[in-house]
Protein backbone atom coordinates (compact mmCIF):
# COMPACT_ATOMS: atom_id res chain seq x y z
CA MET A 1 -24.88 40.09 42.76
CA LYS A 2 -22.53 37.72 43.96
CA LYS A 3 -19.04 37.68 42.07
CA SER A 4 -18.30 34.17 41.75
CA ARG A 5 -14.38 33.50 42.58
CA ARG A 6 -12.36 31.29 41.19
CA LYS A 7 -9.60 29.71 43.26
CA CYS A 8 -6.22 30.56 41.33
CA ASP A 9 -5.13 27.58 39.46
CA PRO A 10 -1.51 27.74 38.24
CA ILE A 11 -2.64 24.97 35.49
CA LEU A 12 -6.07 26.86 34.43
CA LEU A 13 -3.70 30.02 34.29
CA ASN A 14 -0.52 28.42 31.83
CA LYS A 15 -3.53 27.00 29.43
CA PHE A 16 -5.06 30.14 29.12
CA PHE A 17 -2.04 31.68 27.86
CA ASP A 18 -1.49 28.59 25.84
CA LYS A 19 -5.02 29.43 24.73
CA GLU A 20 -6.14 25.73 25.44
CA LEU A 21 -8.97 26.51 27.33
CA ARG A 22 -12.66 25.73 25.78
CA PRO A 23 -14.82 29.28 25.83
CA ASP A 24 -16.41 28.84 28.88
CA GLU A 25 -13.36 28.72 30.70
CA ARG A 26 -11.75 30.91 28.88
CA ALA A 27 -15.34 33.81 29.58
CA GLN A 28 -14.52 32.80 33.42
CA MET A 29 -10.62 33.08 33.21
CA THR A 30 -10.85 36.15 31.45
CA GLU A 31 -13.38 37.22 34.48
CA HIS A 32 -10.91 36.24 36.71
CA LEU A 33 -8.10 38.39 35.94
CA ARG A 34 -9.38 40.71 36.11
CA ASP A 35 -10.19 40.80 40.09
CA CYS A 36 -6.84 39.13 40.84
CA PRO A 37 -3.81 40.90 40.83
CA SER A 38 -1.47 37.65 41.72
CA CYS A 39 -3.24 36.07 38.23
CA GLN A 40 -2.45 39.27 36.15
CA LYS A 41 0.60 39.42 37.55
CA ALA A 42 1.84 35.75 36.40
CA LEU A 43 0.34 36.14 33.25
CA GLN A 44 2.60 39.24 32.59
CA GLU A 45 5.38 37.30 34.02
CA ASN A 46 5.00 34.34 31.31
CA GLU A 47 4.06 36.33 28.78
CA SER A 48 7.37 38.60 29.40
CA LEU A 49 9.36 35.33 29.63
CA SER A 50 7.75 33.74 26.23
CA ALA A 51 8.79 37.16 24.51
CA LEU A 52 12.04 36.71 25.73
CA PHE A 53 12.42 33.19 24.78
CA THR A 54 10.91 34.47 20.53
CA ASP A 55 13.50 37.37 20.86
CA SER A 56 16.42 35.45 21.52
CA LEU A 57 15.09 32.04 19.08
CA ASP A 58 14.63 35.07 16.37
CA LYS A 59 18.80 36.17 16.66
CA SER A 60 19.42 32.91 17.05
CA VAL A 61 18.27 31.75 13.96
CA SER A 62 18.61 35.01 12.04
CA GLN A 63 22.47 34.46 12.90
CA ALA A 64 22.67 30.48 12.01
CA ILE A 65 20.97 31.24 8.93
CA PRO A 66 23.23 33.32 5.97
CA ASP A 67 22.01 36.46 4.41
CA ASP A 68 22.66 34.58 0.76
CA PHE A 69 20.24 31.40 1.97
CA GLU A 70 17.36 32.24 0.52
CA TYR A 71 18.59 33.18 -2.60
CA ARG A 72 20.74 29.87 -2.66
CA ILE A 73 17.56 27.59 -1.98
CA ILE A 74 15.86 29.50 -4.92
CA SER A 75 18.04 29.19 -7.57
CA LYS A 76 18.78 25.47 -6.70
CA LEU A 77 14.96 25.10 -7.18
CA GLU A 78 15.34 26.74 -10.60
CA THR A 79 18.25 24.90 -11.05
CA ARG A 80 15.69 21.35 -10.40
CA ASN A 81 12.61 22.87 -12.14
CA SER A 82 14.61 23.52 -15.14
CA LYS A 83 16.64 20.09 -15.52
CA LEU A 84 12.81 18.53 -14.84
CA GLU A 85 11.45 20.33 -17.53
CA SER A 86 13.93 19.27 -20.27
CA LEU A 87 12.45 15.87 -18.95
CA ILE A 88 8.69 16.61 -20.16
CA PRO A 89 9.60 15.86 -23.58
CA ILE A 90 11.48 12.17 -23.30
CA LEU A 91 9.01 11.30 -21.28
CA ASN A 92 5.95 12.12 -23.32
CA SER A 93 7.83 10.03 -26.18
CA GLN A 94 8.64 7.02 -23.71
CA PHE A 95 4.46 7.11 -22.91
CA SER A 96 3.48 7.30 -26.45
CA ILE A 97 6.07 4.23 -26.58
CA LEU A 98 4.17 2.55 -23.86
CA ASN A 99 0.62 3.67 -25.01
CA SER A 100 1.51 2.14 -28.76
CA LEU A 101 2.74 -0.72 -27.14
CA LYS A 102 0.11 -1.27 -24.73
CA LYS A 103 -2.28 -2.39 -27.93
CA PHE A 104 0.21 -5.37 -29.11
CA PHE A 105 1.83 -6.65 -25.28
CA ILE A 106 -1.79 -7.90 -24.08
CA PRO A 107 -2.93 -9.70 -27.58
CA ALA A 108 0.68 -10.89 -27.82
CA MET A 109 0.91 -12.16 -24.47
CA ALA A 110 -2.70 -14.08 -24.63
CA THR A 111 -0.96 -15.62 -27.64
CA ALA A 112 1.82 -16.79 -25.84
CA ILE A 113 -0.06 -18.06 -22.77
CA LEU A 114 -2.09 -20.06 -25.68
CA ILE A 115 1.33 -21.28 -27.12
CA LEU A 116 2.89 -22.44 -23.85
CA PHE A 117 -0.89 -23.80 -22.36
CA PHE A 118 -1.09 -26.39 -25.49
CA SER A 119 2.79 -27.03 -26.25
CA PHE A 120 3.21 -28.49 -22.44
CA THR A 121 -0.08 -30.23 -22.03
CA LYS A 122 0.09 -33.78 -21.38
CA PRO A 123 -1.21 -36.04 -24.41
CA PRO A 124 -3.66 -38.23 -24.01
CA ALA A 125 -3.07 -41.71 -22.52
CA SER A 126 -2.60 -43.94 -24.93
CA VAL A 127 -5.09 -46.95 -25.17
CA ALA A 128 -2.98 -50.18 -24.33
CA GLY A 129 -2.54 -52.08 -27.60
CA PRO A 130 -4.51 -55.42 -28.60
CA SER A 131 -4.47 -58.20 -26.00
CA ALA A 132 -2.95 -61.65 -26.27
CA ILE A 133 -5.29 -64.67 -26.07
CA VAL A 134 -3.46 -66.84 -23.86
CA SER A 135 -6.50 -69.42 -23.93
CA SER A 136 -9.45 -70.24 -25.08
CA PHE A 137 -12.14 -72.82 -24.89
CA THR A 138 -15.60 -73.31 -26.48
CA GLY A 139 -17.41 -76.00 -25.83
CA ASP A 140 -21.69 -76.22 -26.39
CA ILE A 141 -22.86 -73.90 -24.10
CA ALA A 142 -20.20 -71.48 -22.84
CA SER A 143 -16.79 -70.32 -23.74
CA VAL A 144 -13.55 -69.46 -21.70
CA MET A 145 -10.97 -67.05 -22.97
CA ILE A 146 -7.88 -65.96 -20.87
CA LEU A 147 -6.39 -62.55 -21.95
CA GLU A 148 -3.30 -61.12 -21.16
CA THR A 149 -2.62 -56.80 -21.83
CA PRO A 150 1.12 -56.67 -23.08
CA GLU A 151 2.11 -53.36 -21.22
CA SER A 152 0.32 -54.10 -17.50
CA HIS A 153 0.38 -57.68 -17.79
CA GLN A 154 -3.30 -57.91 -16.66
CA THR A 155 -5.20 -61.23 -16.66
CA ILE A 156 -8.29 -61.18 -18.09
CA ILE A 157 -10.87 -63.84 -17.87
CA TRP A 158 -13.57 -63.57 -20.06
CA PHE A 159 -16.61 -66.21 -19.79
CA ASN A 160 -19.36 -66.08 -22.35
CA GLU A 161 -22.77 -68.61 -22.13
CA THR A 162 -25.30 -69.12 -25.06
CA PHE A 163 -28.62 -71.03 -24.40
């Protein structure tokens, strides 16, 4: 049976090292690594370089963080928790006051809105007062009246026929 030799690909090797390959590609790369000493060497160099960076990073972090850092963080969290726990009774009383106000707030607002609505509505326009008769004429068959309104000074001519 013929073995399929895959060409050495540094990009695929790096993806293999970073565990970014699909399962089928990973299986092919594992098979290739069994037969290819140059890829094995490159993979070992990547692993040793990664280990070196990880070790130096761990040392830097451990030197940068003081020994009592964890204790100080935990004590600050406990202090904040105790402050929050002391606020719980106050918040409960505030919520009970809000719940009781809610029972009265909605009807009070509805009443206030109705009062405001009816207090600012425009009163109905008043009907103009009686018109003044300027002149009139009555005959056997018809009568004519000329009227004038007091505020708008409109002239109305009223003609009435009788048969």
